[in-house]
Amino acid sequence: MKPFVSAFVLLAGFGALTAPAAHAEEPKLQGTYSDWMVYTKGSGSNKICYALATPKNLSPKSVKHGDVFFMVSNWQSGAAFEQPSLMTGYSFKVTAPPNARVGSAKTPMYASQNEAFVEETTEEKRLVKNMRGGSLMRIDAVSTRGTATSYEFSLSGITAALKKTKGLCS
């Protein structure tokens, strides 16, 4: 199994997700590219750069999804390069991991509590390539309670956002 960079690390200090701490460094918005935002956190080899989007549509509408984000992350240290991940406000059912779909290409993910990652680097690259060429990404998931959920993310702006993250963390 490929080691992963926790999305929580990226979002720690993000006002909507955690209580503010006097010494916590806030992520810094570096730009907005249509439906994607680029943030940095940290400095030097600890610097993390990521493109982030929220879903345009989520279902079912009758359940509480919590905060939902899709991110593509780069670490200045090289620990991650264009690593896609999903973060939700609930834990995933491990036996029914999420799947990302761009067009007809489906990418299986694996779940770790409320985060989902792509296991193999080659699959990460394929998903990100498909994201660059697509217009919509759909992710289907199942909560630990057994609720089937789905999220649709616009891919408008992803190419420019990824170019910015690469320039900030290379």
N, C-alpha and C. Protein backbone atom coordinates (compact mmCIF):
# COMPACT_ATOMS: atom_id res chain seq x y z
N MET A 1 0.85 -1.18 0.00
CA MET A 1 0.00 0.00 0.00
C MET A 1 0.89 1.24 0.00
N LYS A 2 0.55 2.18 -0.85
CA LYS A 2 1.30 3.42 -0.96
C LYS A 2 1.08 4.28 0.29
N PRO A 3 2.14 4.84 0.85
CA PRO A 3 1.93 5.75 1.98
C PRO A 3 1.18 6.98 1.50
N PHE A 4 0.36 7.54 2.36
CA PHE A 4 -0.40 8.71 1.94
C PHE A 4 -0.13 9.88 2.85
N VAL A 5 -0.38 11.05 2.29
CA VAL A 5 -0.28 12.30 3.04
C VAL A 5 -1.69 12.65 3.45
N SER A 6 -1.93 12.72 4.72
CA SER A 6 -3.27 12.96 5.22
C SER A 6 -3.80 14.31 4.79
N ALA A 7 -5.01 14.32 4.27
CA ALA A 7 -5.66 15.57 3.91
C ALA A 7 -5.89 16.42 5.14
N PHE A 8 -6.02 15.77 6.29
CA PHE A 8 -6.20 16.54 7.52
C PHE A 8 -5.01 17.45 7.77
N VAL A 9 -3.82 16.96 7.45
CA VAL A 9 -2.62 17.78 7.61
C VAL A 9 -2.75 19.04 6.77
N LEU A 10 -3.29 18.89 5.57
CA LEU A 10 -3.46 20.03 4.67
C LEU A 10 -4.47 21.02 5.20
N LEU A 11 -5.50 20.52 5.82
CA LEU A 11 -6.60 21.38 6.24
C LEU A 11 -6.52 21.80 7.69
N ALA A 12 -5.54 21.29 8.43
CA ALA A 12 -5.41 21.69 9.83
C ALA A 12 -5.31 23.21 9.90
N GLY A 13 -6.13 23.78 10.68
CA GLY A 13 -6.15 25.24 10.77
C GLY A 13 -7.16 25.86 9.84
N PHE A 14 -7.74 25.10 8.93
CA PHE A 14 -8.76 25.60 8.02
C PHE A 14 -9.99 25.90 8.87
N GLY A 15 -10.41 27.12 8.94
CA GLY A 15 -11.44 27.58 9.87
C GLY A 15 -12.69 26.73 9.93
N ALA A 16 -13.14 26.22 8.81
CA ALA A 16 -14.39 25.47 8.81
C ALA A 16 -14.24 24.10 9.45
N LEU A 17 -13.00 23.62 9.60
CA LEU A 17 -12.82 22.25 10.06
C LEU A 17 -12.29 22.13 11.47
N THR A 18 -11.56 23.11 11.94
CA THR A 18 -10.96 22.97 13.25
C THR A 18 -11.15 24.25 14.05
N ALA A 19 -11.06 24.12 15.34
CA ALA A 19 -11.13 25.30 16.19
C ALA A 19 -9.85 26.09 16.03
N PRO A 20 -9.93 27.41 16.01
CA PRO A 20 -8.71 28.19 15.83
C PRO A 20 -7.78 28.03 17.03
N ALA A 21 -6.51 27.97 16.74
CA ALA A 21 -5.49 27.89 17.79
C ALA A 21 -4.58 29.10 17.63
N ALA A 22 -4.14 29.63 18.73
CA ALA A 22 -3.33 30.85 18.70
C ALA A 22 -2.03 30.65 17.92
N HIS A 23 -1.48 29.44 17.96
CA HIS A 23 -0.19 29.20 17.31
C HIS A 23 -0.31 28.46 15.98
N ALA A 24 -1.50 28.07 15.58
CA ALA A 24 -1.68 27.32 14.34
C ALA A 24 -1.51 28.23 13.13
N GLU A 25 -0.76 27.75 12.17
CA GLU A 25 -0.58 28.50 10.93
C GLU A 25 -1.75 28.22 10.01
N GLU A 26 -2.36 29.25 9.52
CA GLU A 26 -3.50 29.11 8.62
C GLU A 26 -3.00 28.86 7.19
N PRO A 27 -3.70 28.02 6.43
CA PRO A 27 -3.37 27.89 5.02
C PRO A 27 -3.53 29.25 4.33
N LYS A 28 -2.71 29.52 3.35
CA LYS A 28 -2.75 30.80 2.65
C LYS A 28 -3.27 30.60 1.23
N LEU A 29 -4.34 31.31 0.92
CA LEU A 29 -4.90 31.25 -0.42
C LEU A 29 -3.93 31.90 -1.39
N GLN A 30 -3.55 31.15 -2.43
CA GLN A 30 -2.61 31.65 -3.43
C GLN A 30 -3.29 32.02 -4.75
N GLY A 31 -4.55 31.63 -4.89
CA GLY A 31 -5.25 31.97 -6.12
C GLY A 31 -6.50 31.13 -6.30
N THR A 32 -7.42 31.65 -7.09
CA THR A 32 -8.63 30.93 -7.45
C THR A 32 -8.66 30.79 -8.96
N TYR A 33 -8.91 29.58 -9.40
CA TYR A 33 -8.92 29.25 -10.82
C TYR A 33 -10.25 28.58 -11.13
N SER A 34 -11.22 29.39 -11.51
CA SER A 34 -12.58 28.94 -11.76
C SER A 34 -13.10 28.22 -10.51
N ASP A 35 -13.29 26.91 -10.56
CA ASP A 35 -13.88 26.17 -9.44
C ASP A 35 -12.84 25.58 -8.48
N TRP A 36 -11.56 25.90 -8.67
CA TRP A 36 -10.49 25.36 -7.85
C TRP A 36 -9.73 26.49 -7.17
N MET A 37 -9.33 26.25 -5.93
CA MET A 37 -8.52 27.20 -5.17
C MET A 37 -7.17 26.56 -4.88
N VAL A 38 -6.14 27.39 -4.82
CA VAL A 38 -4.80 26.91 -4.51
C VAL A 38 -4.38 27.50 -3.17
N TYR A 39 -3.89 26.63 -2.29
CA TYR A 39 -3.43 27.03 -0.96
C TYR A 39 -2.01 26.53 -0.72
N THR A 40 -1.31 27.21 0.18
CA THR A 40 -0.03 26.73 0.70
C THR A 40 -0.12 26.74 2.22
N LYS A 41 0.68 25.88 2.81
CA LYS A 41 0.77 25.81 4.27
C LYS A 41 2.20 25.40 4.59
N GLY A 42 2.77 26.04 5.60
CA GLY A 42 4.13 25.70 6.01
C GLY A 42 5.16 26.46 5.20
N SER A 43 6.43 26.10 5.44
CA SER A 43 7.52 26.75 4.72
C SER A 43 8.68 25.78 4.59
N GLY A 44 9.64 26.14 3.75
CA GLY A 44 10.80 25.29 3.52
C GLY A 44 10.40 23.91 3.05
N SER A 45 11.09 22.89 3.54
CA SER A 45 10.78 21.52 3.11
C SER A 45 9.45 21.03 3.67
N ASN A 46 8.89 21.75 4.64
CA ASN A 46 7.58 21.40 5.20
C ASN A 46 6.42 22.06 4.46
N LYS A 47 6.71 22.79 3.41
CA LYS A 47 5.67 23.50 2.67
C LYS A 47 4.83 22.51 1.87
N ILE A 48 3.51 22.71 1.93
CA ILE A 48 2.55 21.89 1.21
C ILE A 48 1.75 22.83 0.31
N CYS A 49 1.56 22.44 -0.94
CA CYS A 49 0.78 23.23 -1.90
C CYS A 49 -0.34 22.33 -2.41
N TYR A 50 -1.55 22.85 -2.44
CA TYR A 50 -2.64 21.99 -2.90
C TYR A 50 -3.74 22.77 -3.59
N ALA A 51 -4.33 22.10 -4.57
CA ALA A 51 -5.51 22.60 -5.26
C ALA A 51 -6.70 21.94 -4.58
N LEU A 52 -7.76 22.70 -4.34
CA LEU A 52 -8.90 22.21 -3.57
C LEU A 52 -10.20 22.66 -4.22
N ALA A 53 -11.18 21.76 -4.24
CA ALA A 53 -12.51 22.09 -4.74
C ALA A 53 -13.56 21.49 -3.82
N THR A 54 -14.72 22.11 -3.83
CA THR A 54 -15.88 21.57 -3.12
C THR A 54 -16.86 21.06 -4.16
N PRO A 55 -17.70 20.10 -3.81
CA PRO A 55 -18.61 19.53 -4.80
C PRO A 55 -19.68 20.54 -5.25
N LYS A 56 -19.99 20.48 -6.53
CA LYS A 56 -21.08 21.29 -7.08
C LYS A 56 -22.43 20.64 -6.77
N ASN A 57 -22.43 19.33 -6.70
CA ASN A 57 -23.64 18.57 -6.37
C ASN A 57 -23.26 17.45 -5.42
N LEU A 58 -24.14 17.18 -4.46
CA LEU A 58 -23.95 16.06 -3.57
C LEU A 58 -25.30 15.39 -3.34
N SER A 59 -25.24 14.07 -3.16
CA SER A 59 -26.47 13.35 -2.90
C SER A 59 -26.20 12.16 -1.97
N PRO A 60 -27.21 11.73 -1.25
CA PRO A 60 -28.55 12.31 -1.20
C PRO A 60 -28.53 13.64 -0.44
N LYS A 61 -29.42 14.50 -0.80
CA LYS A 61 -29.50 15.82 -0.17
C LYS A 61 -30.04 15.74 1.25
N SER A 62 -30.69 14.64 1.59
CA SER A 62 -31.34 14.50 2.89
C SER A 62 -30.40 14.10 4.03
N VAL A 63 -29.11 13.84 3.73
CA VAL A 63 -28.18 13.44 4.79
C VAL A 63 -27.14 14.53 5.03
N LYS A 64 -26.53 14.49 6.22
CA LYS A 64 -25.46 15.44 6.54
C LYS A 64 -24.14 14.87 6.04
N HIS A 65 -23.53 15.58 5.12
CA HIS A 65 -22.26 15.15 4.53
C HIS A 65 -21.07 15.75 5.27
N GLY A 66 -21.30 16.82 6.04
CA GLY A 66 -20.19 17.54 6.64
C GLY A 66 -19.43 18.29 5.55
N ASP A 67 -18.24 18.75 5.86
CA ASP A 67 -17.40 19.42 4.87
C ASP A 67 -16.83 18.39 3.92
N VAL A 68 -16.93 18.65 2.63
CA VAL A 68 -16.43 17.73 1.61
C VAL A 68 -15.48 18.50 0.70
N PHE A 69 -14.28 17.94 0.50
CA PHE A 69 -13.26 18.56 -0.33
C PHE A 69 -12.58 17.50 -1.19
N PHE A 70 -12.18 17.90 -2.39
CA PHE A 70 -11.27 17.07 -3.19
C PHE A 70 -10.01 17.88 -3.36
N MET A 71 -8.86 17.25 -3.14
CA MET A 71 -7.58 17.96 -3.20
C MET A 71 -6.59 17.22 -4.08
N VAL A 72 -5.68 17.99 -4.64
CA VAL A 72 -4.52 17.43 -5.32
C VAL A 72 -3.32 18.14 -4.70
N SER A 73 -2.43 17.38 -4.05
CA SER A 73 -1.40 17.95 -3.19
C SER A 73 0.02 17.70 -3.69
N ASN A 74 0.87 18.70 -3.46
CA ASN A 74 2.31 18.60 -3.68
C ASN A 74 3.01 18.99 -2.38
N TRP A 75 4.07 18.29 -2.05
CA TRP A 75 4.89 18.65 -0.90
C TRP A 75 6.24 19.13 -1.41
N GLN A 76 6.71 20.23 -0.87
CA GLN A 76 8.02 20.76 -1.24
C GLN A 76 9.11 19.70 -1.06
N SER A 77 8.97 18.87 -0.03
CA SER A 77 9.95 17.83 0.27
C SER A 77 9.96 16.70 -0.75
N GLY A 78 8.93 16.62 -1.58
CA GLY A 78 8.83 15.53 -2.54
C GLY A 78 8.06 14.33 -2.01
N ALA A 79 7.54 14.40 -0.79
CA ALA A 79 6.79 13.28 -0.20
C ALA A 79 5.53 12.97 -1.01
N ALA A 80 5.00 13.96 -1.70
CA ALA A 80 3.82 13.74 -2.55
C ALA A 80 3.91 14.69 -3.74
N PHE A 81 3.48 14.19 -4.91
CA PHE A 81 3.40 15.02 -6.10
C PHE A 81 2.07 14.71 -6.78
N GLU A 82 1.24 15.72 -6.90
CA GLU A 82 -0.09 15.59 -7.49
C GLU A 82 -0.84 14.38 -6.93
N GLN A 83 -0.93 14.34 -5.61
CA GLN A 83 -1.62 13.26 -4.91
C GLN A 83 -3.09 13.64 -4.73
N PRO A 84 -3.99 12.93 -5.41
CA PRO A 84 -5.42 13.22 -5.25
C PRO A 84 -5.97 12.58 -3.98
N SER A 85 -6.91 13.29 -3.35
CA SER A 85 -7.56 12.74 -2.15
C SER A 85 -8.92 13.39 -1.96
N LEU A 86 -9.77 12.68 -1.27
CA LEU A 86 -11.11 13.14 -0.93
C LEU A 86 -11.23 13.18 0.58
N MET A 87 -11.86 14.22 1.09
CA MET A 87 -12.11 14.31 2.53
C MET A 87 -13.59 14.65 2.72
N THR A 88 -14.23 13.93 3.63
CA THR A 88 -15.64 14.17 3.92
C THR A 88 -15.84 14.37 5.42
N GLY A 89 -17.05 14.70 5.78
CA GLY A 89 -17.38 14.90 7.18
C GLY A 89 -17.86 13.63 7.87
N TYR A 90 -17.66 12.49 7.26
CA TYR A 90 -18.07 11.21 7.85
C TYR A 90 -17.05 10.14 7.45
N SER A 91 -17.04 9.02 8.16
CA SER A 91 -16.12 7.93 7.85
C SER A 91 -16.70 7.03 6.76
N PHE A 92 -15.80 6.53 5.92
CA PHE A 92 -16.18 5.63 4.83
C PHE A 92 -16.26 4.19 5.30
N LYS A 93 -17.09 3.42 4.64
CA LYS A 93 -17.15 1.98 4.86
C LYS A 93 -15.94 1.38 4.14
N VAL A 94 -15.06 0.75 4.89
CA VAL A 94 -13.81 0.26 4.33
C VAL A 94 -14.04 -0.82 3.28
N THR A 95 -15.08 -1.63 3.46
CA THR A 95 -15.34 -2.71 2.51
C THR A 95 -16.02 -2.24 1.23
N ALA A 96 -16.37 -0.96 1.17
CA ALA A 96 -16.97 -0.38 -0.04
C ALA A 96 -16.27 0.95 -0.33
N PRO A 97 -14.98 0.91 -0.70
CA PRO A 97 -14.22 2.15 -0.86
C PRO A 97 -14.76 3.02 -2.00
N PRO A 98 -14.50 4.32 -1.94
CA PRO A 98 -14.96 5.24 -2.98
C PRO A 98 -14.34 4.95 -4.34
N ASN A 99 -15.02 5.40 -5.36
CA ASN A 99 -14.53 5.34 -6.74
C ASN A 99 -14.66 6.72 -7.34
N ALA A 100 -13.62 7.16 -8.05
CA ALA A 100 -13.66 8.42 -8.78
C ALA A 100 -13.87 8.11 -10.25
N ARG A 101 -14.70 8.90 -10.91
CA ARG A 101 -14.96 8.68 -12.33
C ARG A 101 -14.89 10.00 -13.07
N VAL A 102 -14.06 10.02 -14.10
CA VAL A 102 -13.99 11.15 -15.02
C VAL A 102 -14.28 10.57 -16.39
N GLY A 103 -15.39 11.01 -16.99
CA GLY A 103 -15.83 10.38 -18.23
C GLY A 103 -16.13 8.92 -17.97
N SER A 104 -15.56 8.03 -18.79
CA SER A 104 -15.80 6.59 -18.59
C SER A 104 -14.68 5.95 -17.77
N ALA A 105 -13.65 6.71 -17.43
CA ALA A 105 -12.53 6.15 -16.67
C ALA A 105 -12.84 6.16 -15.18
N LYS A 106 -12.77 4.98 -14.57
CA LYS A 106 -13.07 4.82 -13.15
C LYS A 106 -11.77 4.52 -12.41
N THR A 107 -11.57 5.19 -11.28
CA THR A 107 -10.38 4.99 -10.46
C THR A 107 -10.80 4.57 -9.06
N PRO A 108 -10.43 3.36 -8.64
CA PRO A 108 -10.75 2.94 -7.27
C PRO A 108 -9.87 3.67 -6.27
N MET A 109 -10.43 3.94 -5.12
CA MET A 109 -9.71 4.60 -4.05
C MET A 109 -9.74 3.67 -2.83
N TYR A 110 -8.95 3.98 -1.83
CA TYR A 110 -9.07 3.25 -0.58
C TYR A 110 -9.39 4.24 0.52
N ALA A 111 -10.09 3.76 1.52
CA ALA A 111 -10.59 4.63 2.59
C ALA A 111 -9.74 4.51 3.84
N SER A 112 -9.56 5.64 4.49
CA SER A 112 -8.91 5.71 5.80
C SER A 112 -9.73 6.70 6.61
N GLN A 113 -10.65 6.19 7.38
CA GLN A 113 -11.59 7.00 8.16
C GLN A 113 -12.40 7.89 7.22
N ASN A 114 -12.22 9.21 7.28
CA ASN A 114 -13.02 10.11 6.45
C ASN A 114 -12.24 10.63 5.24
N GLU A 115 -11.15 9.94 4.90
CA GLU A 115 -10.35 10.33 3.75
C GLU A 115 -10.24 9.17 2.78
N ALA A 116 -10.07 9.49 1.50
CA ALA A 116 -9.89 8.46 0.49
C ALA A 116 -8.72 8.86 -0.41
N PHE A 117 -7.93 7.87 -0.78
CA PHE A 117 -6.73 8.06 -1.58
C PHE A 117 -6.68 7.03 -2.70
N VAL A 118 -5.85 7.30 -3.69
CA VAL A 118 -5.58 6.34 -4.75
C VAL A 118 -4.34 5.58 -4.33
N GLU A 119 -4.40 4.25 -4.42
CA GLU A 119 -3.32 3.44 -3.86
C GLU A 119 -2.04 3.47 -4.66
N GLU A 120 -2.11 3.35 -5.96
CA GLU A 120 -0.92 3.24 -6.80
C GLU A 120 -0.59 4.57 -7.47
N THR A 121 0.69 4.89 -7.52
CA THR A 121 1.15 6.13 -8.15
C THR A 121 0.72 6.22 -9.60
N THR A 122 0.78 5.10 -10.33
CA THR A 122 0.37 5.13 -11.74
C THR A 122 -1.11 5.47 -11.87
N GLU A 123 -1.92 5.00 -10.94
CA GLU A 123 -3.35 5.32 -10.96
C GLU A 123 -3.60 6.77 -10.57
N GLU A 124 -2.78 7.30 -9.64
CA GLU A 124 -2.87 8.73 -9.29
C GLU A 124 -2.62 9.57 -10.53
N LYS A 125 -1.56 9.25 -11.25
CA LYS A 125 -1.20 10.00 -12.46
C LYS A 125 -2.30 9.92 -13.51
N ARG A 126 -2.88 8.73 -13.66
CA ARG A 126 -3.95 8.56 -14.64
C ARG A 126 -5.18 9.39 -14.26
N LEU A 127 -5.55 9.37 -12.97
CA LEU A 127 -6.69 10.16 -12.53
C LEU A 127 -6.45 11.65 -12.76
N VAL A 128 -5.29 12.14 -12.37
CA VAL A 128 -5.00 13.57 -12.53
C VAL A 128 -4.98 13.95 -14.01
N LYS A 129 -4.43 13.08 -14.85
CA LYS A 129 -4.43 13.33 -16.30
C LYS A 129 -5.88 13.42 -16.81
N ASN A 130 -6.72 12.50 -16.36
CA ASN A 130 -8.13 12.52 -16.77
C ASN A 130 -8.84 13.76 -16.26
N MET A 131 -8.48 14.18 -15.05
CA MET A 131 -9.07 15.40 -14.50
C MET A 131 -8.73 16.61 -15.37
N ARG A 132 -7.47 16.68 -15.81
CA ARG A 132 -7.04 17.80 -16.66
C ARG A 132 -7.83 17.83 -17.97
N GLY A 133 -8.20 16.67 -18.49
CA GLY A 133 -8.89 16.60 -19.77
C GLY A 133 -10.41 16.54 -19.65
N GLY A 134 -10.93 16.47 -18.42
CA GLY A 134 -12.36 16.30 -18.23
C GLY A 134 -13.05 17.58 -17.82
N SER A 135 -14.35 17.48 -17.68
CA SER A 135 -15.14 18.64 -17.24
C SER A 135 -15.83 18.37 -15.91
N LEU A 136 -16.01 17.09 -15.57
CA LEU A 136 -16.73 16.72 -14.36
C LEU A 136 -16.13 15.44 -13.78
N MET A 137 -15.99 15.40 -12.47
CA MET A 137 -15.56 14.19 -11.78
C MET A 137 -16.64 13.81 -10.78
N ARG A 138 -17.00 12.55 -10.79
CA ARG A 138 -18.00 12.05 -9.84
C ARG A 138 -17.33 11.04 -8.93
N ILE A 139 -17.62 11.17 -7.65
CA ILE A 139 -17.11 10.21 -6.68
C ILE A 139 -18.29 9.58 -5.96
N ASP A 140 -18.32 8.26 -5.97
CA ASP A 140 -19.34 7.49 -5.26
C ASP A 140 -18.69 6.86 -4.04
N ALA A 141 -19.37 6.94 -2.91
CA ALA A 141 -18.84 6.41 -1.66
C ALA A 141 -19.97 5.84 -0.81
N VAL A 142 -19.60 5.12 0.24
CA VAL A 142 -20.57 4.57 1.19
C VAL A 142 -20.06 4.88 2.59
N SER A 143 -20.94 5.41 3.42
CA SER A 143 -20.56 5.73 4.79
C SER A 143 -20.55 4.46 5.64
N THR A 144 -19.94 4.56 6.83
CA THR A 144 -19.92 3.41 7.73
C THR A 144 -21.33 3.00 8.13
N ARG A 145 -22.28 3.91 8.04
CA ARG A 145 -23.69 3.60 8.33
C ARG A 145 -24.39 2.91 7.16
N GLY A 146 -23.69 2.82 6.03
CA GLY A 146 -24.27 2.17 4.86
C GLY A 146 -24.97 3.11 3.89
N THR A 147 -24.86 4.40 4.09
CA THR A 147 -25.50 5.36 3.20
C THR A 147 -24.65 5.57 1.96
N ALA A 148 -25.23 5.33 0.79
CA ALA A 148 -24.54 5.57 -0.48
C ALA A 148 -24.58 7.07 -0.76
N THR A 149 -23.42 7.64 -1.05
CA THR A 149 -23.31 9.07 -1.33
C THR A 149 -22.60 9.27 -2.67
N SER A 150 -22.81 10.44 -3.27
CA SER A 150 -22.06 10.77 -4.47
C SER A 150 -21.82 12.28 -4.51
N TYR A 151 -20.71 12.63 -5.13
CA TYR A 151 -20.28 14.02 -5.22
C TYR A 151 -19.85 14.30 -6.64
N GLU A 152 -20.25 15.46 -7.15
CA GLU A 152 -19.81 15.89 -8.47
C GLU A 152 -18.97 17.15 -8.32
N PHE A 153 -17.74 17.07 -8.83
CA PHE A 153 -16.81 18.19 -8.79
C PHE A 153 -16.59 18.72 -10.20
N SER A 154 -16.72 20.02 -10.36
CA SER A 154 -16.36 20.65 -11.62
C SER A 154 -14.85 20.58 -11.77
N LEU A 155 -14.40 20.34 -12.97
CA LEU A 155 -12.96 20.32 -13.24
C LEU A 155 -12.51 21.59 -13.95
N SER A 156 -13.39 22.56 -14.01
CA SER A 156 -13.06 23.85 -14.60
C SER A 156 -12.01 24.56 -13.74
N GLY A 157 -10.85 24.81 -14.32
CA GLY A 157 -9.78 25.49 -13.60
C GLY A 157 -8.73 24.56 -13.04
N ILE A 158 -8.92 23.24 -13.12
CA ILE A 158 -7.98 22.31 -12.51
C ILE A 158 -6.59 22.41 -13.13
N THR A 159 -6.49 22.56 -14.44
CA THR A 159 -5.18 22.61 -15.09
C THR A 159 -4.38 23.81 -14.61
N ALA A 160 -4.99 24.97 -14.56
CA ALA A 160 -4.31 26.18 -14.08
C ALA A 160 -3.96 26.06 -12.60
N ALA A 161 -4.85 25.48 -11.81
CA ALA A 161 -4.59 25.31 -10.38
C ALA A 161 -3.41 24.37 -10.15
N LEU A 162 -3.33 23.29 -10.91
CA LEU A 162 -2.22 22.35 -10.76
C LEU A 162 -0.90 22.97 -11.21
N LYS A 163 -0.95 23.78 -12.24
CA LYS A 163 0.25 24.49 -12.69
C LYS A 163 0.75 25.42 -11.58
N LYS A 164 -0.18 26.09 -10.91
CA LYS A 164 0.19 26.99 -9.81
C LYS A 164 0.79 26.21 -8.64
N THR A 165 0.16 25.08 -8.26
CA THR A 165 0.69 24.31 -7.13
C THR A 165 2.08 23.79 -7.45
N LYS A 166 2.31 23.36 -8.67
CA LYS A 166 3.63 22.87 -9.06
C LYS A 166 4.66 23.99 -8.97
N GLY A 167 4.29 25.18 -9.43
CA GLY A 167 5.20 26.31 -9.35
C GLY A 167 5.52 26.74 -7.93
N LEU A 168 4.58 26.56 -7.03
CA LEU A 168 4.77 26.95 -5.64
C LEU A 168 5.56 25.93 -4.83
N CYS A 169 5.47 24.66 -5.22
CA CYS A 169 6.14 23.57 -4.49
C CYS A 169 6.97 22.71 -5.44
N SER A 170 8.01 23.29 -6.01
CA SER A 170 8.87 22.48 -6.88
C SER A 170 10.32 22.76 -6.59
